[in-house]
Amino acid sequence: MKRHIEAVRSKVVGLGEKAKVRKGMLSILAIFFVLQIYFVRELLAAELLFGMGFAVLFVVGLTIYTVGAIGERGLDVAEVGVRLLSNSARRGYASLEEISRKSLRNPDSESAR
């Protein structure tokens, strides 16, 4: 096993000594690192875009939830107002019935003939 590793190592060292191979290896490594930096930038940009998209969706959802909660509370307040209005209407109708039962003339007055 060690013989195989040493053989591979000696071949790599032998290839690395040649000028053309060094230039090729350096250019390949440079391209690799540039592409790595490019892909990291792209991934960061994509992550920021997704983050902004989720933030927008969160704000829209929060707005819808808030409007719904305010609507439910508004219905509770409206129910109280309707009960108050219905009680007032009942009292007014009862007082109108009482007034309509009374005669408009005084009992001591002369009747029109």
Protein backbone atom coordinates (compact mmCIF):
# COMPACT_ATOMS: atom_id res chain seq x y z
CA MET A 1 0.00 0.00 0.00
CA LYS A 2 2.81 2.39 0.90
CA ARG A 3 4.59 1.52 -2.32
CA HIS A 4 1.56 2.61 -4.34
CA ILE A 5 1.30 5.91 -2.47
CA GLU A 6 5.02 6.58 -2.92
CA ALA A 7 4.79 5.79 -6.63
CA VAL A 8 1.88 8.18 -7.10
CA ARG A 9 3.68 10.84 -5.08
CA SER A 10 6.84 10.56 -7.16
CA LYS A 11 4.85 10.83 -10.40
CA VAL A 12 3.04 13.94 -9.12
CA VAL A 13 6.31 15.54 -8.07
CA GLY A 14 7.83 14.67 -11.44
CA LEU A 15 4.90 16.23 -13.29
CA GLY A 16 4.93 19.28 -11.05
CA GLU A 17 8.50 20.05 -12.00
CA LYS A 18 7.71 20.63 -15.59
CA ALA A 19 6.92 24.30 -16.40
CA LYS A 20 3.97 23.63 -18.68
CA VAL A 21 2.33 21.36 -16.16
CA ARG A 22 2.84 23.93 -13.41
CA LYS A 23 1.22 26.66 -15.47
CA GLY A 24 -1.67 24.36 -16.32
CA MET A 25 -2.12 23.28 -12.71
CA LEU A 26 -1.95 26.87 -11.47
CA SER A 27 -4.46 28.03 -14.07
CA ILE A 28 -6.80 25.15 -13.22
CA LEU A 29 -6.48 25.93 -9.51
CA ALA A 30 -7.05 29.64 -10.18
CA ILE A 31 -10.16 28.88 -12.24
CA PHE A 32 -11.38 26.52 -9.52
CA PHE A 33 -10.97 29.16 -6.79
CA VAL A 34 -12.56 31.89 -8.91
CA LEU A 35 -15.53 29.65 -9.63
CA GLN A 36 -15.78 28.79 -5.94
CA ILE A 37 -15.86 32.48 -5.06
CA TYR A 38 -18.45 33.09 -7.81
CA PHE A 39 -20.68 30.26 -6.59
CA VAL A 40 -20.41 31.44 -3.00
CA ARG A 41 -21.49 34.92 -4.10
CA GLU A 42 -24.36 33.45 -6.08
CA LEU A 43 -25.48 31.35 -3.14
CA LEU A 44 -25.34 34.35 -0.81
CA ALA A 45 -27.34 36.42 -3.29
CA ALA A 46 -29.92 33.65 -3.64
CA GLU A 47 -30.17 33.32 0.13
CA LEU A 48 -30.73 37.06 0.49
CA LEU A 49 -33.40 37.00 -2.21
CA PHE A 50 -35.20 34.08 -0.55
CA GLY A 51 -34.90 35.83 2.80
CA MET A 52 -36.48 38.98 1.40
CA GLY A 53 -39.24 36.93 -0.22
CA PHE A 54 -40.04 35.17 3.04
CA ALA A 55 -39.99 38.53 4.84
CA VAL A 56 -42.54 39.91 2.37
CA LEU A 57 -44.74 36.83 2.80
CA PHE A 58 -44.44 37.18 6.58
CA VAL A 59 -45.54 40.83 6.45
CA VAL A 60 -48.48 39.97 4.17
CA GLY A 61 -49.55 37.12 6.47
CA LEU A 62 -49.20 39.33 9.55
CA THR A 63 -51.30 42.03 7.90
CA ILE A 64 -54.03 39.56 6.98
CA TYR A 65 -54.02 38.14 10.51
CA THR A 66 -54.22 41.63 12.03
CA VAL A 67 -57.11 42.65 9.78
CA GLY A 68 -58.94 39.42 10.69
CA ALA A 69 -58.40 39.95 14.42
CA ILE A 70 -59.59 43.55 14.20
CA GLY A 71 -62.64 42.36 12.23
CA GLU A 72 -63.53 39.83 14.92
CA ARG A 73 -63.22 42.47 17.65
CA GLY A 74 -65.29 44.82 15.50
CA LEU A 75 -68.04 42.22 15.29
CA ASP A 76 -68.06 41.95 19.09
CA VAL A 77 -68.37 45.73 19.42
CA ALA A 78 -71.08 45.80 16.75
CA GLU A 79 -73.03 43.11 18.61
CA VAL A 80 -73.00 45.23 21.78
CA GLY A 81 -74.16 48.25 19.76
CA VAL A 82 -76.97 46.29 18.13
CA ARG A 83 -78.16 45.04 21.54
CA LEU A 84 -78.16 48.59 22.89
CA LEU A 85 -80.03 49.84 19.83
CA SER A 86 -82.59 47.01 20.03
CA ASN A 87 -83.26 47.70 23.73
CA SER A 88 -83.74 51.39 22.93
CA ALA A 89 -86.09 50.53 20.05
CA ARG A 90 -88.15 48.23 22.30
CA ARG A 91 -88.49 50.95 24.93
CA GLY A 92 -89.48 53.48 22.29
CA TYR A 93 -92.08 51.13 20.81
CA ALA A 94 -93.50 50.41 24.28
CA SER A 95 -93.76 54.12 25.05
CA LEU A 96 -95.47 54.72 21.68
CA GLU A 97 -98.03 51.99 22.50
CA GLU A 98 -98.66 53.59 25.88
CA ILE A 99 -99.16 57.02 24.31
CA SER A 100 -101.49 55.63 21.66
CA ARG A 101 -103.73 54.05 24.30
CA LYS A 102 -104.28 57.36 26.08
CA SER A 103 -106.89 59.64 24.73
CA LEU A 104 -105.69 62.90 23.30
CA ARG A 105 -108.51 64.86 24.98
CA ASN A 106 -108.86 65.70 28.57
CA PRO A 107 -111.74 63.92 30.29
CA ASP A 108 -113.10 67.29 31.52
CA SER A 109 -113.10 68.94 28.13
CA GLU A 110 -116.18 69.48 26.02
CA SER A 111 -116.44 67.05 23.19
CA ALA A 112 -116.72 68.39 19.70
CA ARG A 113 -120.23 68.02 18.34
